[in-house]
């Protein structure tokens, strides 16, 4: 994610909103790992058709999906090539 500690500090102290979102994402991901009672049953077996995901979010056929895909890319760094 960051190439250096200096990049991390730049984000933390100069891009407060993105840093807040990264902290929130980390918290939400780690909370179920630390408390098995919060995990969804069989979540590790959940699947989604790849075409629905990539076409809806990233190929532009759906204006709402494309907007969501742009936000996912901007805020989380995920795009068609690395989801």
PDB file of N, CA and C in Angstrom:
ATOM      1  N   UNK A   1       0.825  -1.182   0.000  1.00  0.00           N
ATOM      2  CA  UNK A   1       0.000   0.000   0.000  1.00  0.00           C
ATOM      3  C   UNK A   1       0.876   1.255   0.000  1.00  0.00           C
ATOM      4  N   UNK A   2       1.766   1.352   0.962  1.00  0.00           N
ATOM      5  CA  UNK A   2       2.686   2.490   0.991  1.00  0.00           C
ATOM      6  C   UNK A   2       4.074   1.983   0.694  1.00  0.00           C
ATOM      7  N   UNK A   3       4.825   2.764  -0.032  1.00  0.00           N
ATOM      8  CA  UNK A   3       6.177   2.351  -0.395  1.00  0.00           C
ATOM      9  C   UNK A   3       7.182   2.702   0.692  1.00  0.00           C
ATOM     10  N   UNK A   4       6.799   3.607   1.566  1.00  0.00           N
ATOM     11  CA  UNK A   4       7.721   4.007   2.629  1.00  0.00           C
ATOM     12  C   UNK A   4       6.930   4.523   3.829  1.00  0.00           C
ATOM     13  N   UNK A   5       7.622   4.601   4.943  1.00  0.00           N
ATOM     14  CA  UNK A   5       7.012   5.156   6.142  1.00  0.00           C
ATOM     15  C   UNK A   5       6.653   6.623   5.916  1.00  0.00           C
ATOM     16  N   UNK A   6       7.467   7.324   5.146  1.00  0.00           N
ATOM     17  CA  UNK A   6       7.199   8.734   4.842  1.00  0.00           C
ATOM     18  C   UNK A   6       5.876   8.891   4.083  1.00  0.00           C
ATOM     19  N   UNK A   7       5.579   7.972   3.162  1.00  0.00           N
ATOM     20  CA  UNK A   7       4.304   8.018   2.447  1.00  0.00           C
ATOM     21  C   UNK A   7       3.137   7.807   3.399  1.00  0.00           C
ATOM     22  N   UNK A   8       3.313   6.873   4.330  1.00  0.00           N
ATOM     23  CA  UNK A   8       2.272   6.633   5.325  1.00  0.00           C
ATOM     24  C   UNK A   8       2.040   7.885   6.167  1.00  0.00           C
ATOM     25  N   UNK A   9       3.111   8.513   6.618  1.00  0.00           N
ATOM     26  CA  UNK A   9       2.972   9.726   7.424  1.00  0.00           C
ATOM     27  C   UNK A   9       2.306  10.849   6.626  1.00  0.00           C
ATOM     28  N   UNK A  10       2.645  10.940   5.368  1.00  0.00           N
ATOM     29  CA  UNK A  10       2.019  11.942   4.500  1.00  0.00           C
ATOM     30  C   UNK A  10       0.503  11.741   4.473  1.00  0.00           C
ATOM     31  N   UNK A  11       0.084  10.497   4.311  1.00  0.00           N
ATOM     32  CA  UNK A  11      -1.345  10.186   4.312  1.00  0.00           C
ATOM     33  C   UNK A  11      -1.957  10.508   5.675  1.00  0.00           C
ATOM     34  N   UNK A  12      -1.331  10.035   6.728  1.00  0.00           N
ATOM     35  CA  UNK A  12      -1.898  10.177   8.068  1.00  0.00           C
ATOM     36  C   UNK A  12      -2.081  11.633   8.476  1.00  0.00           C
ATOM     37  N   UNK A  13      -1.112  12.464   8.165  1.00  0.00           N
ATOM     38  CA  UNK A  13      -1.155  13.836   8.656  1.00  0.00           C
ATOM     39  C   UNK A  13      -1.671  14.856   7.636  1.00  0.00           C
ATOM     40  N   UNK A  14      -1.702  14.496   6.359  1.00  0.00           N
ATOM     41  CA  UNK A  14      -2.109  15.463   5.352  1.00  0.00           C
ATOM     42  C   UNK A  14      -3.337  15.063   4.547  1.00  0.00           C
ATOM     43  N   UNK A  15      -3.821  13.840   4.752  1.00  0.00           N
ATOM     44  CA  UNK A  15      -5.023  13.390   4.061  1.00  0.00           C
ATOM     45  C   UNK A  15      -5.900  12.679   5.090  1.00  0.00           C
ATOM     46  N   UNK A  16      -6.439  13.469   5.989  1.00  0.00           N
ATOM     47  CA  UNK A  16      -7.135  12.955   7.163  1.00  0.00           C
ATOM     48  C   UNK A  16      -8.324  12.069   6.800  1.00  0.00           C
ATOM     49  N   UNK A  17      -9.091  12.447   5.785  1.00  0.00           N
ATOM     50  CA  UNK A  17     -10.278  11.666   5.428  1.00  0.00           C
ATOM     51  C   UNK A  17      -9.908  10.279   4.906  1.00  0.00           C
ATOM     52  N   UNK A  18      -8.934  10.197   4.021  1.00  0.00           N
ATOM     53  CA  UNK A  18      -8.508   8.885   3.522  1.00  0.00           C
ATOM     54  C   UNK A  18      -7.929   8.039   4.646  1.00  0.00           C
ATOM     55  N   UNK A  19      -7.175   8.648   5.537  1.00  0.00           N
ATOM     56  CA  UNK A  19      -6.610   7.910   6.678  1.00  0.00           C
ATOM     57  C   UNK A  19      -7.734   7.381   7.574  1.00  0.00           C
ATOM     58  N   UNK A  20      -8.760   8.187   7.803  1.00  0.00           N
ATOM     59  CA  UNK A  20      -9.895   7.754   8.617  1.00  0.00           C
ATOM     60  C   UNK A  20     -10.583   6.543   7.976  1.00  0.00           C
ATOM     61  N   UNK A  21     -10.755   6.583   6.654  1.00  0.00           N
ATOM     62  CA  UNK A  21     -11.399   5.464   5.960  1.00  0.00           C
ATOM     63  C   UNK A  21     -10.551   4.200   6.015  1.00  0.00           C
ATOM     64  N   UNK A  22      -9.241   4.341   5.914  1.00  0.00           N
ATOM     65  CA  UNK A  22      -8.358   3.173   5.999  1.00  0.00           C
ATOM     66  C   UNK A  22      -8.419   2.570   7.398  1.00  0.00           C
ATOM     67  N   UNK A  23      -8.413   3.404   8.420  1.00  0.00           N
ATOM     68  CA  UNK A  23      -8.527   2.903   9.793  1.00  0.00           C
ATOM     69  C   UNK A  23      -9.852   2.186  10.003  1.00  0.00           C
ATOM     70  N   UNK A  24     -10.928   2.773   9.487  1.00  0.00           N
ATOM     71  CA  UNK A  24     -12.246   2.156   9.621  1.00  0.00           C
ATOM     72  C   UNK A  24     -12.289   0.809   8.911  1.00  0.00           C
ATOM     73  N   UNK A  25     -11.738   0.744   7.709  1.00  0.00           N
ATOM     74  CA  UNK A  25     -11.691  -0.513   6.962  1.00  0.00           C
ATOM     75  C   UNK A  25     -10.908  -1.569   7.739  1.00  0.00           C
ATOM     76  N   UNK A  26      -9.769  -1.187   8.286  1.00  0.00           N
ATOM     77  CA  UNK A  26      -8.955  -2.128   9.073  1.00  0.00           C
ATOM     78  C   UNK A  26      -9.742  -2.627  10.281  1.00  0.00           C
ATOM     79  N   UNK A  27     -10.398  -1.711  10.975  1.00  0.00           N
ATOM     80  CA  UNK A  27     -11.184  -2.089  12.152  1.00  0.00           C
ATOM     81  C   UNK A  27     -12.286  -3.073  11.780  1.00  0.00           C
ATOM     82  N   UNK A  28     -13.002  -2.769  10.713  1.00  0.00           N
ATOM     83  CA  UNK A  28     -14.102  -3.638  10.302  1.00  0.00           C
ATOM     84  C   UNK A  28     -13.626  -5.009   9.862  1.00  0.00           C
ATOM     85  N   UNK A  29     -12.449  -5.065   9.244  1.00  0.00           N
ATOM     86  CA  UNK A  29     -11.926  -6.362   8.815  1.00  0.00           C
ATOM     87  C   UNK A  29     -11.370  -7.164   9.982  1.00  0.00           C
ATOM     88  N   UNK A  30     -10.770  -6.497  10.950  1.00  0.00           N
ATOM     89  CA  UNK A  30     -10.114  -7.215  12.047  1.00  0.00           C
ATOM     90  C   UNK A  30     -11.085  -7.625  13.147  1.00  0.00           C
ATOM     91  N   UNK A  31     -12.186  -6.903  13.301  1.00  0.00           N
ATOM     92  CA  UNK A  31     -13.116  -7.216  14.375  1.00  0.00           C
ATOM     93  C   UNK A  31     -13.641  -8.656  14.299  1.00  0.00           C
ATOM     94  N   UNK A  32     -14.127  -9.136  13.151  1.00  0.00           N
ATOM     95  CA  UNK A  32     -14.583 -10.531  13.095  1.00  0.00           C
ATOM     96  C   UNK A  32     -13.453 -11.541  13.300  1.00  0.00           C
ATOM     97  N   UNK A  33     -12.248 -11.193  12.892  1.00  0.00           N
ATOM     98  CA  UNK A  33     -11.121 -12.119  13.091  1.00  0.00           C
ATOM     99  C   UNK A  33     -10.854 -12.337  14.565  1.00  0.00           C
ATOM    100  N   UNK A  34     -11.084 -11.306  15.364  1.00  0.00           N
ATOM    101  CA  UNK A  34     -10.816 -11.381  16.793  1.00  0.00           C
ATOM    102  C   UNK A  34     -12.002 -11.891  17.596  1.00  0.00           C
ATOM    103  N   UNK A  35     -13.154 -12.049  16.958  1.00  0.00           N
ATOM    104  CA  UNK A  35     -14.350 -12.515  17.641  1.00  0.00           C
ATOM    105  C   UNK A  35     -15.131 -13.410  16.684  1.00  0.00           C
ATOM    106  N   UNK A  36     -14.936 -14.694  16.795  1.00  0.00           N
ATOM    107  CA  UNK A  36     -15.551 -15.621  15.849  1.00  0.00           C
ATOM    108  C   UNK A  36     -17.075 -15.575  15.877  1.00  0.00           C
ATOM    109  N   UNK A  37     -17.668 -15.073  16.936  1.00  0.00           N
ATOM    110  CA  UNK A  37     -19.117 -14.962  17.015  1.00  0.00           C
ATOM    111  C   UNK A  37     -19.679 -13.920  16.061  1.00  0.00           C
ATOM    112  N   UNK A  38     -18.839 -13.039  15.552  1.00  0.00           N
ATOM    113  CA  UNK A  38     -19.291 -11.997  14.630  1.00  0.00           C
ATOM    114  C   UNK A  38     -19.210 -12.422  13.167  1.00  0.00           C
ATOM    115  N   UNK A  39     -18.567 -13.534  12.898  1.00  0.00           N
ATOM    116  CA  UNK A  39     -18.421 -13.982  11.517  1.00  0.00           C
ATOM    117  C   UNK A  39     -19.748 -14.503  10.981  1.00  0.00           C
ATOM    118  N   UNK A  40     -19.990 -14.239   9.691  1.00  0.00           N
ATOM    119  CA  UNK A  40     -21.176 -14.786   9.049  1.00  0.00           C
ATOM    120  C   UNK A  40     -20.970 -16.271   8.803  1.00  0.00           C
ATOM    121  N   UNK A  41     -21.992 -17.072   9.024  1.00  0.00           N
ATOM    122  CA  UNK A  41     -21.852 -18.508   8.782  1.00  0.00           C
ATOM    123  C   UNK A  41     -21.519 -18.769   7.309  1.00  0.00           C
ATOM    124  N   UNK A  42     -20.528 -19.588   7.068  1.00  0.00           N
ATOM    125  CA  UNK A  42     -20.113 -19.997   5.726  1.00  0.00           C
ATOM    126  C   UNK A  42     -19.667 -18.830   4.837  1.00  0.00           C
ATOM    127  N   UNK A  43     -19.252 -17.727   5.423  1.00  0.00           N
ATOM    128  CA  UNK A  43     -18.823 -16.564   4.636  1.00  0.00           C
ATOM    129  C   UNK A  43     -17.655 -16.917   3.725  1.00  0.00           C
ATOM    130  N   UNK A  44     -16.778 -17.794   4.173  1.00  0.00           N
ATOM    131  CA  UNK A  44     -15.620 -18.168   3.355  1.00  0.00           C
ATOM    132  C   UNK A  44     -16.016 -18.936   2.100  1.00  0.00           C
ATOM    133  N   UNK A  45     -17.244 -19.433   2.063  1.00  0.00           N
ATOM    134  CA  UNK A  45     -17.726 -20.165   0.893  1.00  0.00           C
ATOM    135  C   UNK A  45     -18.549 -19.290  -0.043  1.00  0.00           C
ATOM    136  N   UNK A  46     -18.790 -18.036   0.329  1.00  0.00           N
ATOM    137  CA  UNK A  46     -19.604 -17.136  -0.487  1.00  0.00           C
ATOM    138  C   UNK A  46     -18.906 -16.858  -1.816  1.00  0.00           C
ATOM    139  N   UNK A  47     -19.693 -16.782  -2.865  1.00  0.00           N
ATOM    140  CA  UNK A  47     -19.153 -16.504  -4.193  1.00  0.00           C
ATOM    141  C   UNK A  47     -20.034 -15.473  -4.895  1.00  0.00           C
ATOM    142  N   UNK A  48     -19.479 -14.878  -5.917  1.00  0.00           N
ATOM    143  CA  UNK A  48     -20.228 -13.967  -6.765  1.00  0.00           C
ATOM    144  C   UNK A  48     -19.716 -14.181  -8.184  1.00  0.00           C
ATOM    145  N   UNK A  49     -20.622 -14.142  -9.131  1.00  0.00           N
ATOM    146  CA  UNK A  49     -20.210 -14.302 -10.524  1.00  0.00           C
ATOM    147  C   UNK A  49     -19.279 -13.153 -10.902  1.00  0.00           C
ATOM    148  N   UNK A  50     -18.114 -13.482 -11.405  1.00  0.00           N
ATOM    149  CA  UNK A  50     -17.110 -12.472 -11.731  1.00  0.00           C
ATOM    150  C   UNK A  50     -17.639 -11.445 -12.729  1.00  0.00           C
ATOM    151  N   UNK A  51     -18.405 -11.894 -13.718  1.00  0.00           N
ATOM    152  CA  UNK A  51     -18.956 -10.970 -14.719  1.00  0.00           C
ATOM    153  C   UNK A  51     -19.859  -9.915 -14.085  1.00  0.00           C
ATOM    154  N   UNK A  52     -20.665 -10.330 -13.139  1.00  0.00           N
ATOM    155  CA  UNK A  52     -21.559  -9.363 -12.499  1.00  0.00           C
ATOM    156  C   UNK A  52     -20.754  -8.301 -11.765  1.00  0.00           C
ATOM    157  N   UNK A  53     -19.731  -8.718 -11.083  1.00  0.00           N
ATOM    158  CA  UNK A  53     -18.907  -7.772 -10.328  1.00  0.00           C
ATOM    159  C   UNK A  53     -18.157  -6.824 -11.254  1.00  0.00           C
ATOM    160  N   UNK A  54     -17.413  -7.369 -12.197  1.00  0.00           N
ATOM    161  CA  UNK A  54     -16.574  -6.526 -13.047  1.00  0.00           C
ATOM    162  C   UNK A  54     -17.398  -5.671 -14.005  1.00  0.00           C
ATOM    163  N   UNK A  55     -18.424  -6.233 -14.573  1.00  0.00           N
ATOM    164  CA  UNK A  55     -19.230  -5.454 -15.524  1.00  0.00           C
ATOM    165  C   UNK A  55     -20.039  -4.372 -14.813  1.00  0.00           C
ATOM    166  N   UNK A  56     -20.591  -4.682 -13.675  1.00  0.00           N
ATOM    167  CA  UNK A  56     -21.398  -3.696 -12.956  1.00  0.00           C
ATOM    168  C   UNK A  56     -20.548  -2.526 -12.465  1.00  0.00           C
ATOM    169  N   UNK A  57     -19.396  -2.830 -11.880  1.00  0.00           N
ATOM    170  CA  UNK A  57     -18.595  -1.773 -11.266  1.00  0.00           C
ATOM    171  C   UNK A  57     -17.630  -1.071 -12.203  1.00  0.00           C
ATOM    172  N   UNK A  58     -17.101  -1.763 -13.195  1.00  0.00           N
ATOM    173  CA  UNK A  58     -15.965  -1.190 -13.895  1.00  0.00           C
ATOM    174  C   UNK A  58     -16.093  -1.043 -15.414  1.00  0.00           C
ATOM    175  N   UNK A  59     -17.105  -1.587 -16.055  1.00  0.00           N
ATOM    176  CA  UNK A  59     -17.090  -1.486 -17.521  1.00  0.00           C
ATOM    177  C   UNK A  59     -17.975  -0.375 -18.074  1.00  0.00           C
ATOM    178  N   UNK A  60     -18.790   0.257 -17.231  1.00  0.00           N
ATOM    179  CA  UNK A  60     -19.554   1.412 -17.683  1.00  0.00           C
ATOM    180  C   UNK A  60     -20.941   1.124 -18.211  1.00  0.00           C
ATOM    181  N   UNK A  61     -21.397  -0.120 -18.186  1.00  0.00           N
ATOM    182  CA  UNK A  61     -22.748  -0.424 -18.657  1.00  0.00           C
ATOM    183  C   UNK A  61     -23.816   0.107 -17.714  1.00  0.00           C
ATOM    184  N   UNK A  62     -23.486   0.210 -16.447  1.00  0.00           N
ATOM    185  CA  UNK A  62     -24.431   0.693 -15.445  1.00  0.00           C
ATOM    186  C   UNK A  62     -23.889   1.985 -14.836  1.00  0.00           C
ATOM    187  N   UNK A  63     -24.554   3.121 -15.059  1.00  0.00           N
ATOM    188  CA  UNK A  63     -24.058   4.382 -14.496  1.00  0.00           C
ATOM    189  C   UNK A  63     -23.887   4.334 -12.975  1.00  0.00           C
ATOM    190  N   UNK A  64     -24.833   3.715 -12.261  1.00  0.00           N
ATOM    191  CA  UNK A  64     -24.708   3.616 -10.800  1.00  0.00           C
ATOM    192  C   UNK A  64     -23.530   2.718 -10.425  1.00  0.00           C
ATOM    193  N   UNK A  65     -23.388   1.620 -11.121  1.00  0.00           N
ATOM    194  CA  UNK A  65     -22.281   0.710 -10.841  1.00  0.00           C
ATOM    195  C   UNK A  65     -20.941   1.353 -11.136  1.00  0.00           C
ATOM    196  N   UNK A  66     -20.860   2.075 -12.229  1.00  0.00           N
ATOM    197  CA  UNK A  66     -19.613   2.740 -12.598  1.00  0.00           C
ATOM    198  C   UNK A  66     -19.210   3.765 -11.546  1.00  0.00           C
ATOM    199  N   UNK A  67     -20.177   4.516 -11.035  1.00  0.00           N
ATOM    200  CA  UNK A  67     -19.893   5.481  -9.980  1.00  0.00           C
ATOM    201  C   UNK A  67     -19.365   4.778  -8.732  1.00  0.00           C
ATOM    202  N   UNK A  68     -19.978   3.668  -8.376  1.00  0.00           N
ATOM    203  CA  UNK A  68     -19.513   2.901  -7.219  1.00  0.00           C
ATOM    204  C   UNK A  68     -18.112   2.362  -7.471  1.00  0.00           C
ATOM    205  N   UNK A  69     -17.856   1.883  -8.673  1.00  0.00           N
ATOM    206  CA  UNK A  69     -16.523   1.395  -9.014  1.00  0.00           C
ATOM    207  C   UNK A  69     -15.473   2.488  -8.918  1.00  0.00           C
ATOM    208  N   UNK A  70     -15.819   3.698  -9.359  1.00  0.00           N
ATOM    209  CA  UNK A  70     -14.887   4.824  -9.264  1.00  0.00           C
ATOM    210  C   UNK A  70     -14.581   5.155  -7.805  1.00  0.00           C
ATOM    211  N   UNK A  71     -15.595   5.106  -6.948  1.00  0.00           N
ATOM    212  CA  UNK A  71     -15.372   5.366  -5.529  1.00  0.00           C
ATOM    213  C   UNK A  71     -14.514   4.277  -4.888  1.00  0.00           C
ATOM    214  N   UNK A  72     -14.757   3.040  -5.251  1.00  0.00           N
ATOM    215  CA  UNK A  72     -13.949   1.935  -4.725  1.00  0.00           C
ATOM    216  C   UNK A  72     -12.497   2.120  -5.137  1.00  0.00           C
ATOM    217  N   UNK A  73     -12.279   2.510  -6.381  1.00  0.00           N
ATOM    218  CA  UNK A  73     -10.916   2.739  -6.860  1.00  0.00           C
ATOM    219  C   UNK A  73     -10.280   3.915  -6.134  1.00  0.00           C
ATOM    220  N   UNK A  74     -11.003   5.014  -6.012  1.00  0.00           N
ATOM    221  CA  UNK A  74     -10.454   6.219  -5.390  1.00  0.00           C
ATOM    222  C   UNK A  74     -10.167   6.027  -3.908  1.00  0.00           C
ATOM    223  N   UNK A  75     -11.098   5.452  -3.193  1.00  0.00           N
ATOM    224  CA  UNK A  75     -10.971   5.359  -1.736  1.00  0.00           C
ATOM    225  C   UNK A  75     -10.213   4.120  -1.263  1.00  0.00           C
ATOM    226  N   UNK A  76     -10.339   3.013  -1.983  1.00  0.00           N
ATOM    227  CA  UNK A  76      -9.731   1.768  -1.518  1.00  0.00           C
ATOM    228  C   UNK A  76      -8.596   1.270  -2.397  1.00  0.00           C
ATOM    229  N   UNK A  77      -8.483   1.832  -3.602  1.00  0.00           N
ATOM    230  CA  UNK A  77      -7.393   1.445  -4.487  1.00  0.00           C
ATOM    231  C   UNK A  77      -7.655   0.212  -5.328  1.00  0.00           C
ATOM    232  N   UNK A  78      -8.859  -0.336  -5.252  1.00  0.00           N
ATOM    233  CA  UNK A  78      -9.171  -1.512  -6.050  1.00  0.00           C
ATOM    234  C   UNK A  78      -9.767  -1.084  -7.383  1.00  0.00           C
ATOM    235  N   UNK A  79      -9.387  -1.782  -8.442  1.00  0.00           N
ATOM    236  CA  UNK A  79      -9.927  -1.502  -9.777  1.00  0.00           C
ATOM    237  C   UNK A  79     -10.105  -2.817 -10.523  1.00  0.00           C
ATOM    238  N   UNK A  80     -10.410  -2.741 -11.788  1.00  0.00           N
ATOM    239  CA  UNK A  80     -10.656  -3.938 -12.594  1.00  0.00           C
ATOM    240  C   UNK A  80      -9.470  -4.896 -12.574  1.00  0.00           C
ATOM    241  N   UNK A  81      -8.266  -4.367 -12.497  1.00  0.00           N
ATOM    242  CA  UNK A  81      -7.059  -5.203 -12.587  1.00  0.00           C
ATOM    243  C   UNK A  81      -6.618  -5.827 -11.263  1.00  0.00           C
ATOM    244  N   UNK A  82      -7.117  -5.318 -10.122  1.00  0.00           N
ATOM    245  CA  UNK A  82      -6.605  -5.856  -8.863  1.00  0.00           C
ATOM    246  C   UNK A  82      -7.689  -6.185  -7.834  1.00  0.00           C
ATOM    247  N   UNK A  83      -8.939  -6.273  -8.257  1.00  0.00           N
ATOM    248  CA  UNK A  83     -10.006  -6.539  -7.290  1.00  0.00           C
ATOM    249  C   UNK A  83      -9.812  -7.885  -6.645  1.00  0.00           C
TER     250      UNK A  83
END
